[in-house]
PDB file of all heavy atoms in Angstrom:
ATOM      1  N   VAL A   1      -8.308 -11.894  11.122  1.00  0.00           N
ATOM      2  CA  VAL A   1      -9.140 -12.547  12.134  1.00  0.00           C
ATOM      3  C   VAL A   1     -10.219 -11.565  12.565  1.00  0.00           C
ATOM      4  O   VAL A   1      -9.918 -10.442  12.996  1.00  0.00           O
ATOM      5  CB  VAL A   1      -8.297 -12.969  13.354  1.00  0.00           C
ATOM      6  CG1 VAL A   1      -9.194 -13.568  14.430  1.00  0.00           C
ATOM      7  CG2 VAL A   1      -7.213 -13.955  12.947  1.00  0.00           C
ATOM      8  N   TYR A   2     -11.470 -11.968  12.440  1.00  0.00           N
ATOM      9  CA  TYR A   2     -12.583 -11.145  12.917  1.00  0.00           C
ATOM     10  C   TYR A   2     -13.214 -11.840  14.116  1.00  0.00           C
ATOM     11  O   TYR A   2     -13.624 -13.006  14.023  1.00  0.00           O
ATOM     12  CB  TYR A   2     -13.639 -10.925  11.840  1.00  0.00           C
ATOM     13  CG  TYR A   2     -14.849 -10.178  12.362  1.00  0.00           C
ATOM     14  CD1 TYR A   2     -14.804  -8.796  12.552  1.00  0.00           C
ATOM     15  CD2 TYR A   2     -16.001 -10.864  12.733  1.00  0.00           C
ATOM     16  CE1 TYR A   2     -15.897  -8.118  13.079  1.00  0.00           C
ATOM     17  CE2 TYR A   2     -17.096 -10.197  13.256  1.00  0.00           C
ATOM     18  CZ  TYR A   2     -17.047  -8.823  13.421  1.00  0.00           C
ATOM     19  OH  TYR A   2     -18.114  -8.160  13.956  1.00  0.00           O
ATOM     20  N   LEU A   3     -13.287 -11.121  15.245  1.00  0.00           N
ATOM     21  CA  LEU A   3     -13.906 -11.666  16.450  1.00  0.00           C
ATOM     22  C   LEU A   3     -15.352 -11.197  16.528  1.00  0.00           C
ATOM     23  O   LEU A   3     -15.628  -9.997  16.480  1.00  0.00           O
ATOM     24  CB  LEU A   3     -13.133 -11.215  17.693  1.00  0.00           C
ATOM     25  CG  LEU A   3     -11.661 -11.644  17.766  1.00  0.00           C
ATOM     26  CD1 LEU A   3     -11.004 -11.068  19.014  1.00  0.00           C
ATOM     27  CD2 LEU A   3     -11.540 -13.165  17.748  1.00  0.00           C
ATOM     28  N   ASP A   4     -16.280 -12.130  16.663  1.00  0.00           N
ATOM     29  CA  ASP A   4     -17.696 -11.767  16.757  1.00  0.00           C
ATOM     30  C   ASP A   4     -18.001 -10.962  18.018  1.00  0.00           C
ATOM     31  O   ASP A   4     -18.986 -10.215  18.055  1.00  0.00           O
ATOM     32  CB  ASP A   4     -18.560 -13.031  16.731  1.00  0.00           C
ATOM     33  CG  ASP A   4     -18.455 -13.769  15.409  1.00  0.00           C
ATOM     34  OD1 ASP A   4     -18.524 -13.103  14.354  1.00  0.00           O
ATOM     35  OD2 ASP A   4     -18.282 -14.998  15.427  1.00  0.00           O
ATOM     36  N   TYR A   5     -17.171 -11.130  19.031  1.00  0.00           N
ATOM     37  CA  TYR A   5     -17.295 -10.381  20.292  1.00  0.00           C
ATOM     38  C   TYR A   5     -15.873 -10.014  20.706  1.00  0.00           C
ATOM     39  O   TYR A   5     -14.952 -10.815  20.519  1.00  0.00           O
ATOM     40  CB  TYR A   5     -17.963 -11.247  21.361  1.00  0.00           C
ATOM     41  CG  TYR A   5     -18.110 -10.577  22.708  1.00  0.00           C
ATOM     42  CD1 TYR A   5     -19.202  -9.764  22.989  1.00  0.00           C
ATOM     43  CD2 TYR A   5     -17.151 -10.752  23.704  1.00  0.00           C
ATOM     44  CE1 TYR A   5     -19.349  -9.151  24.228  1.00  0.00           C
ATOM     45  CE2 TYR A   5     -17.279 -10.135  24.939  1.00  0.00           C
ATOM     46  CZ  TYR A   5     -18.375  -9.334  25.201  1.00  0.00           C
ATOM     47  OH  TYR A   5     -18.510  -8.721  26.413  1.00  0.00           O
ATOM     48  N   PRO A   6     -15.671  -8.817  21.274  1.00  0.00           N
ATOM     49  CA  PRO A   6     -14.305  -8.413  21.639  1.00  0.00           C
ATOM     50  C   PRO A   6     -13.790  -9.152  22.875  1.00  0.00           C
ATOM     51  O   PRO A   6     -13.615  -8.586  23.957  1.00  0.00           O
ATOM     52  CB  PRO A   6     -14.434  -6.911  21.889  1.00  0.00           C
ATOM     53  CG  PRO A   6     -15.860  -6.710  22.304  1.00  0.00           C
ATOM     54  CD  PRO A   6     -16.648  -7.723  21.505  1.00  0.00           C
ATOM     55  N   SER A   7     -13.533 -10.434  22.705  1.00  0.00           N
ATOM     56  CA  SER A   7     -13.059 -11.290  23.790  1.00  0.00           C
ATOM     57  C   SER A   7     -11.604 -10.970  24.135  1.00  0.00           C
ATOM     58  O   SER A   7     -10.742 -10.950  23.251  1.00  0.00           O
ATOM     59  CB  SER A   7     -13.167 -12.759  23.376  1.00  0.00           C
ATOM     60  OG  SER A   7     -12.370 -13.591  24.173  1.00  0.00           O
ATOM     61  N   VAL A   8     -11.341 -10.741  25.411  1.00  0.00           N
ATOM     62  CA  VAL A   8      -9.985 -10.443  25.856  1.00  0.00           C
ATOM     63  C   VAL A   8      -9.070 -11.634  25.592  1.00  0.00           C
ATOM     64  O   VAL A   8      -8.008 -11.516  24.983  1.00  0.00           O
ATOM     65  CB  VAL A   8      -9.964 -10.070  27.349  1.00  0.00           C
ATOM     66  CG1 VAL A   8      -8.528  -9.898  27.844  1.00  0.00           C
ATOM     67  CG2 VAL A   8     -10.753  -8.789  27.591  1.00  0.00           C
ATOM     68  N   GLY A   9      -9.474 -12.806  26.044  1.00  0.00           N
ATOM     69  CA  GLY A   9      -8.631 -13.985  25.897  1.00  0.00           C
ATOM     70  C   GLY A   9      -8.375 -14.357  24.451  1.00  0.00           C
ATOM     71  O   GLY A   9      -7.255 -14.722  24.079  1.00  0.00           O
ATOM     72  N   ALA A  10      -9.414 -14.289  23.606  1.00  0.00           N
ATOM     73  CA  ALA A  10      -9.237 -14.628  22.201  1.00  0.00           C
ATOM     74  C   ALA A  10      -8.306 -13.631  21.520  1.00  0.00           C
ATOM     75  O   ALA A  10      -7.453 -14.019  20.709  1.00  0.00           O
ATOM     76  CB  ALA A  10     -10.591 -14.662  21.495  1.00  0.00           C
ATOM     77  N   THR A  11      -8.448 -12.350  21.842  1.00  0.00           N
ATOM     78  CA  THR A  11      -7.554 -11.339  21.279  1.00  0.00           C
ATOM     79  C   THR A  11      -6.112 -11.649  21.644  1.00  0.00           C
ATOM     80  O   THR A  11      -5.212 -11.631  20.791  1.00  0.00           O
ATOM     81  CB  THR A  11      -7.938  -9.938  21.796  1.00  0.00           C
ATOM     82  OG1 THR A  11      -9.280  -9.624  21.400  1.00  0.00           O
ATOM     83  CG2 THR A  11      -6.997  -8.875  21.249  1.00  0.00           C
ATOM     84  N   GLU A  12      -5.872 -11.949  22.919  1.00  0.00           N
ATOM     85  CA  GLU A  12      -4.509 -12.215  23.383  1.00  0.00           C
ATOM     86  C   GLU A  12      -3.953 -13.495  22.772  1.00  0.00           C
ATOM     87  O   GLU A  12      -2.775 -13.557  22.393  1.00  0.00           O
ATOM     88  CB  GLU A  12      -4.503 -12.276  24.910  1.00  0.00           C
ATOM     89  CG  GLU A  12      -4.814 -10.917  25.529  1.00  0.00           C
ATOM     90  CD  GLU A  12      -5.022 -10.978  27.032  1.00  0.00           C
ATOM     91  OE1 GLU A  12      -5.473 -12.030  27.539  1.00  0.00           O
ATOM     92  OE2 GLU A  12      -4.758  -9.965  27.694  1.00  0.00           O
ATOM     93  N   ASN A  13      -4.784 -14.527  22.641  1.00  0.00           N
ATOM     94  CA  ASN A  13      -4.306 -15.787  22.084  1.00  0.00           C
ATOM     95  C   ASN A  13      -3.864 -15.623  20.630  1.00  0.00           C
ATOM     96  O   ASN A  13      -2.826 -16.152  20.215  1.00  0.00           O
ATOM     97  CB  ASN A  13      -5.405 -16.851  22.176  1.00  0.00           C
ATOM     98  CG  ASN A  13      -4.992 -18.039  23.006  1.00  0.00           C
ATOM     99  OD1 ASN A  13      -3.812 -18.383  23.064  1.00  0.00           O
ATOM    100  ND2 ASN A  13      -5.949 -18.679  23.654  1.00  0.00           N
ATOM    101  N   VAL A  14      -4.642 -14.898  19.849  1.00  0.00           N
ATOM    102  CA  VAL A  14      -4.272 -14.683  18.447  1.00  0.00           C
ATOM    103  C   VAL A  14      -3.009 -13.828  18.356  1.00  0.00           C
ATOM    104  O   VAL A  14      -2.127 -14.090  17.524  1.00  0.00           O
ATOM    105  CB  VAL A  14      -5.436 -14.038  17.680  1.00  0.00           C
ATOM    106  CG1 VAL A  14      -5.008 -13.696  16.253  1.00  0.00           C
ATOM    107  CG2 VAL A  14      -6.644 -14.977  17.648  1.00  0.00           C
ATOM    108  N   MET A  15      -2.898 -12.796  19.211  1.00  0.00           N
ATOM    109  CA  MET A  15      -1.681 -11.980  19.219  1.00  0.00           C
ATOM    110  C   MET A  15      -0.447 -12.844  19.419  1.00  0.00           C
ATOM    111  O   MET A  15       0.553 -12.704  18.710  1.00  0.00           O
ATOM    112  CB  MET A  15      -1.759 -10.931  20.341  1.00  0.00           C
ATOM    113  CG  MET A  15      -2.722  -9.797  20.102  1.00  0.00           C
ATOM    114  SD  MET A  15      -2.969  -8.777  21.599  1.00  0.00           S
ATOM    115  CE  MET A  15      -1.315  -8.114  21.871  1.00  0.00           C
ATOM    116  N   MET A  16      -0.508 -13.753  20.391  1.00  0.00           N
ATOM    117  CA  MET A  16       0.656 -14.577  20.715  1.00  0.00           C
ATOM    118  C   MET A  16       0.916 -15.640  19.662  1.00  0.00           C
ATOM    119  O   MET A  16       2.071 -15.941  19.340  1.00  0.00           O
ATOM    120  CB  MET A  16       0.459 -15.203  22.104  1.00  0.00           C
ATOM    121  CG  MET A  16       0.464 -14.180  23.234  1.00  0.00           C
ATOM    122  SD  MET A  16       0.331 -14.902  24.891  1.00  0.00           S
ATOM    123  CE  MET A  16      -1.420 -15.297  24.987  1.00  0.00           C
ATOM    124  N   ALA A  17      -0.164 -16.211  19.107  1.00  0.00           N
ATOM    125  CA  ALA A  17       0.011 -17.231  18.067  1.00  0.00           C
ATOM    126  C   ALA A  17       0.673 -16.655  16.826  1.00  0.00           C
ATOM    127  O   ALA A  17       1.437 -17.340  16.138  1.00  0.00           O
ATOM    128  CB  ALA A  17      -1.345 -17.836  17.711  1.00  0.00           C
ATOM    129  N   ALA A  18       0.393 -15.375  16.532  1.00  0.00           N
ATOM    130  CA  ALA A  18       0.894 -14.748  15.316  1.00  0.00           C
ATOM    131  C   ALA A  18       2.280 -14.140  15.471  1.00  0.00           C
ATOM    132  O   ALA A  18       2.884 -13.725  14.476  1.00  0.00           O
ATOM    133  CB  ALA A  18      -0.083 -13.667  14.857  1.00  0.00           C
ATOM    134  N   ALA A  19       2.800 -14.082  16.691  1.00  0.00           N
ATOM    135  CA  ALA A  19       4.035 -13.336  16.962  1.00  0.00           C
ATOM    136  C   ALA A  19       5.220 -13.819  16.135  1.00  0.00           C
ATOM    137  O   ALA A  19       6.077 -13.022  15.747  1.00  0.00           O
ATOM    138  CB  ALA A  19       4.368 -13.400  18.451  1.00  0.00           C
ATOM    139  N   LEU A  20       5.289 -15.134  15.864  1.00  0.00           N
ATOM    140  CA  LEU A  20       6.435 -15.699  15.151  1.00  0.00           C
ATOM    141  C   LEU A  20       6.079 -16.171  13.741  1.00  0.00           C
ATOM    142  O   LEU A  20       6.879 -16.853  13.101  1.00  0.00           O
ATOM    143  CB  LEU A  20       7.018 -16.867  15.956  1.00  0.00           C
ATOM    144  CG  LEU A  20       7.572 -16.508  17.345  1.00  0.00           C
ATOM    145  CD1 LEU A  20       7.993 -17.772  18.099  1.00  0.00           C
ATOM    146  CD2 LEU A  20       8.737 -15.541  17.243  1.00  0.00           C
ATOM    147  N   LEU A  21       4.890 -15.795  13.253  1.00  0.00           N
ATOM    148  CA  LEU A  21       4.488 -16.166  11.899  1.00  0.00           C
ATOM    149  C   LEU A  21       4.960 -15.103  10.911  1.00  0.00           C
ATOM    150  O   LEU A  21       4.665 -13.918  11.088  1.00  0.00           O
ATOM    151  CB  LEU A  21       2.955 -16.285  11.812  1.00  0.00           C
ATOM    152  CG  LEU A  21       2.277 -17.434  12.554  1.00  0.00           C
ATOM    153  CD1 LEU A  21       0.768 -17.349  12.369  1.00  0.00           C
ATOM    154  CD2 LEU A  21       2.792 -18.783  12.059  1.00  0.00           C
ATOM    155  N   PRO A  22       5.655 -15.458   9.878  1.00  0.00           N
ATOM    156  CA  PRO A  22       6.096 -14.452   8.901  1.00  0.00           C
ATOM    157  C   PRO A  22       4.904 -13.821   8.190  1.00  0.00           C
ATOM    158  O   PRO A  22       3.999 -14.520   7.739  1.00  0.00           O
ATOM    159  CB  PRO A  22       6.965 -15.266   7.929  1.00  0.00           C
ATOM    160  CG  PRO A  22       6.503 -16.666   8.084  1.00  0.00           C
ATOM    161  CD  PRO A  22       6.079 -16.819   9.506  1.00  0.00           C
ATOM    162  N   GLY A  23       4.884 -12.482   8.150  1.00  0.00           N
ATOM    163  CA  GLY A  23       3.780 -11.775   7.526  1.00  0.00           C
ATOM    164  C   GLY A  23       2.920 -11.062   8.551  1.00  0.00           C
ATOM    165  O   GLY A  23       3.213 -11.061   9.753  1.00  0.00           O
ATOM    166  N   ASP A  24       1.836 -10.444   8.074  1.00  0.00           N
ATOM    167  CA  ASP A  24       0.972  -9.616   8.915  1.00  0.00           C
ATOM    168  C   ASP A  24      -0.334 -10.323   9.237  1.00  0.00           C
ATOM    169  O   ASP A  24      -1.018 -10.831   8.344  1.00  0.00           O
ATOM    170  CB  ASP A  24       0.652  -8.298   8.214  1.00  0.00           C
ATOM    171  CG  ASP A  24       1.848  -7.356   8.170  1.00  0.00           C
ATOM    172  OD1 ASP A  24       2.905  -7.739   8.707  1.00  0.00           O
ATOM    173  OD2 ASP A  24       1.714  -6.259   7.610  1.00  0.00           O
ATOM    174  N   THR A  25      -0.666 -10.339  10.522  1.00  0.00           N
ATOM    175  CA  THR A  25      -1.968 -10.807  10.999  1.00  0.00           C
ATOM    176  C   THR A  25      -2.730  -9.607  11.535  1.00  0.00           C
ATOM    177  O   THR A  25      -2.178  -8.821  12.308  1.00  0.00           O
ATOM    178  CB  THR A  25      -1.811 -11.872  12.090  1.00  0.00           C
ATOM    179  OG1 THR A  25      -1.232 -13.049  11.527  1.00  0.00           O
ATOM    180  CG2 THR A  25      -3.158 -12.229  12.714  1.00  0.00           C
ATOM    181  N   VAL A  26      -3.989  -9.466  11.146  1.00  0.00           N
ATOM    182  CA  VAL A  26      -4.807  -8.343  11.585  1.00  0.00           C
ATOM    183  C   VAL A  26      -6.011  -8.880  12.359  1.00  0.00           C
ATOM    184  O   VAL A  26      -6.738  -9.757  11.865  1.00  0.00           O
ATOM    185  CB  VAL A  26      -5.284  -7.476  10.405  1.00  0.00           C
ATOM    186  CG1 VAL A  26      -6.115  -6.297  10.906  1.00  0.00           C
ATOM    187  CG2 VAL A  26      -4.088  -6.978   9.596  1.00  0.00           C
ATOM    188  N   ILE A  27      -6.201  -8.374  13.575  1.00  0.00           N
ATOM    189  CA  ILE A  27      -7.320  -8.784  14.429  1.00  0.00           C
ATOM    190  C   ILE A  27      -8.351  -7.654  14.420  1.00  0.00           C
ATOM    191  O   ILE A  27      -8.056  -6.527  14.843  1.00  0.00           O
ATOM    192  CB  ILE A  27      -6.854  -9.065  15.862  1.00  0.00           C
ATOM    193  CG1 ILE A  27      -5.700 -10.067  15.873  1.00  0.00           C
ATOM    194  CG2 ILE A  27      -8.014  -9.586  16.709  1.00  0.00           C
ATOM    195  CD1 ILE A  27      -5.028 -10.211  17.236  1.00  0.00           C
ATOM    196  N   HIS A  28      -9.544  -7.948  13.931  1.00  0.00           N
ATOM    197  CA  HIS A  28     -10.628  -6.971  13.865  1.00  0.00           C
ATOM    198  C   HIS A  28     -11.605  -7.199  15.018  1.00  0.00           C
ATOM    199  O   HIS A  28     -11.849  -8.329  15.433  1.00  0.00           O
ATOM    200  CB  HIS A  28     -11.371  -7.088  12.528  1.00  0.00           C
ATOM    201  CG  HIS A  28     -10.485  -6.912  11.332  1.00  0.00           C
ATOM    202  ND1 HIS A  28     -10.212  -5.685  10.777  1.00  0.00           N
ATOM    203  CD2 HIS A  28      -9.807  -7.829  10.588  1.00  0.00           C
ATOM    204  CE1 HIS A  28      -9.414  -5.841   9.738  1.00  0.00           C
ATOM    205  NE2 HIS A  28      -9.149  -7.138   9.590  1.00  0.00           N
ATOM    206  N   ASN A  29     -12.190  -6.118  15.510  1.00  0.00           N
ATOM    207  CA  ASN A  29     -13.076  -6.148  16.689  1.00  0.00           C
ATOM    208  C   ASN A  29     -12.342  -6.721  17.896  1.00  0.00           C
ATOM    209  O   ASN A  29     -12.875  -7.511  18.670  1.00  0.00           O
ATOM    210  CB  ASN A  29     -14.353  -6.954  16.423  1.00  0.00           C
ATOM    211  CG  ASN A  29     -15.442  -6.658  17.448  1.00  0.00           C
ATOM    212  OD1 ASN A  29     -15.520  -5.558  18.001  1.00  0.00           O
ATOM    213  ND2 ASN A  29     -16.284  -7.641  17.727  1.00  0.00           N
ATOM    214  N   ALA A  30     -11.097  -6.301  18.033  1.00  0.00           N
ATOM    215  CA  ALA A  30     -10.267  -6.745  19.156  1.00  0.00           C
ATOM    216  C   ALA A  30     -10.753  -6.121  20.462  1.00  0.00           C
ATOM    217  O   ALA A  30     -11.321  -5.015  20.473  1.00  0.00           O
ATOM    218  CB  ALA A  30      -8.813  -6.352  18.911  1.00  0.00           C
ATOM    219  N   ALA A  31     -10.536  -6.816  21.563  1.00  0.00           N
ATOM    220  CA  ALA A  31     -10.802  -6.239  22.886  1.00  0.00           C
ATOM    221  C   ALA A  31      -9.812  -5.113  23.152  1.00  0.00           C
ATOM    222  O   ALA A  31      -8.706  -5.096  22.605  1.00  0.00           O
ATOM    223  CB  ALA A  31     -10.698  -7.319  23.955  1.00  0.00           C
ATOM    224  N   ARG A  32     -10.202  -4.157  24.014  1.00  0.00           N
ATOM    225  CA  ARG A  32      -9.404  -2.948  24.215  1.00  0.00           C
ATOM    226  C   ARG A  32      -8.925  -2.774  25.654  1.00  0.00           C
ATOM    227  O   ARG A  32      -8.493  -1.689  26.041  1.00  0.00           O
ATOM    228  CB  ARG A  32     -10.220  -1.716  23.794  1.00  0.00           C
ATOM    229  CG  ARG A  32     -10.548  -1.690  22.311  1.00  0.00           C
ATOM    230  CD  ARG A  32     -11.288  -0.422  21.930  1.00  0.00           C
ATOM    231  NE  ARG A  32     -12.668  -0.437  22.396  1.00  0.00           N
ATOM    232  CZ  ARG A  32     -13.448   0.635  22.455  1.00  0.00           C
ATOM    233  NH1 ARG A  32     -12.973   1.821  22.104  1.00  0.00           N
ATOM    234  NH2 ARG A  32     -14.694   0.524  22.870  1.00  0.00           N
ATOM    235  N   GLU A  33      -9.009  -3.806  26.473  1.00  0.00           N
ATOM    236  CA  GLU A  33      -8.636  -3.705  27.881  1.00  0.00           C
ATOM    237  C   GLU A  33      -7.185  -3.261  28.062  1.00  0.00           C
ATOM    238  O   GLU A  33      -6.323  -3.566  27.221  1.00  0.00           O
ATOM    239  CB  GLU A  33      -8.872  -5.046  28.570  1.00  0.00           C
ATOM    240  CG  GLU A  33     -10.262  -5.242  29.125  1.00  0.00           C
ATOM    241  CD  GLU A  33     -11.343  -5.363  28.073  1.00  0.00           C
ATOM    242  OE1 GLU A  33     -11.020  -5.461  26.878  1.00  0.00           O
ATOM    243  OE2 GLU A  33     -12.522  -5.369  28.435  1.00  0.00           O
ATOM    244  N   PRO A  34      -6.876  -2.571  29.170  1.00  0.00           N
ATOM    245  CA  PRO A  34      -5.502  -2.144  29.443  1.00  0.00           C
ATOM    246  C   PRO A  34      -4.511  -3.311  29.468  1.00  0.00           C
ATOM    247  O   PRO A  34      -3.338  -3.138  29.124  1.00  0.00           O
ATOM    248  CB  PRO A  34      -5.597  -1.475  30.813  1.00  0.00           C
ATOM    249  CG  PRO A  34      -7.018  -1.045  30.942  1.00  0.00           C
ATOM    250  CD  PRO A  34      -7.817  -2.079  30.203  1.00  0.00           C
ATOM    251  N   GLU A  35      -4.972  -4.484  29.881  1.00  0.00           N
ATOM    252  CA  GLU A  35      -4.080  -5.635  29.945  1.00  0.00           C
ATOM    253  C   GLU A  35      -3.625  -6.080  28.560  1.00  0.00           C
ATOM    254  O   GLU A  35      -2.536  -6.656  28.400  1.00  0.00           O
ATOM    255  CB  GLU A  35      -4.783  -6.785  30.681  1.00  0.00           C
ATOM    256  CG  GLU A  35      -5.030  -6.520  32.156  1.00  0.00           C
ATOM    257  CD  GLU A  35      -6.233  -5.633  32.441  1.00  0.00           C
ATOM    258  OE1 GLU A  35      -7.039  -5.392  31.507  1.00  0.00           O
ATOM    259  OE2 GLU A  35      -6.382  -5.178  33.593  1.00  0.00           O
TER     260      GLU A  35
END
């Protein structure tokens, strides 16, 4: 997954959507907020 802008919400949504999917999901240009 490549994000055109480091969106906090989009980064978090993809993280959670991928949590139970078998295999590796990679998020590029992810947001870096402490949250």
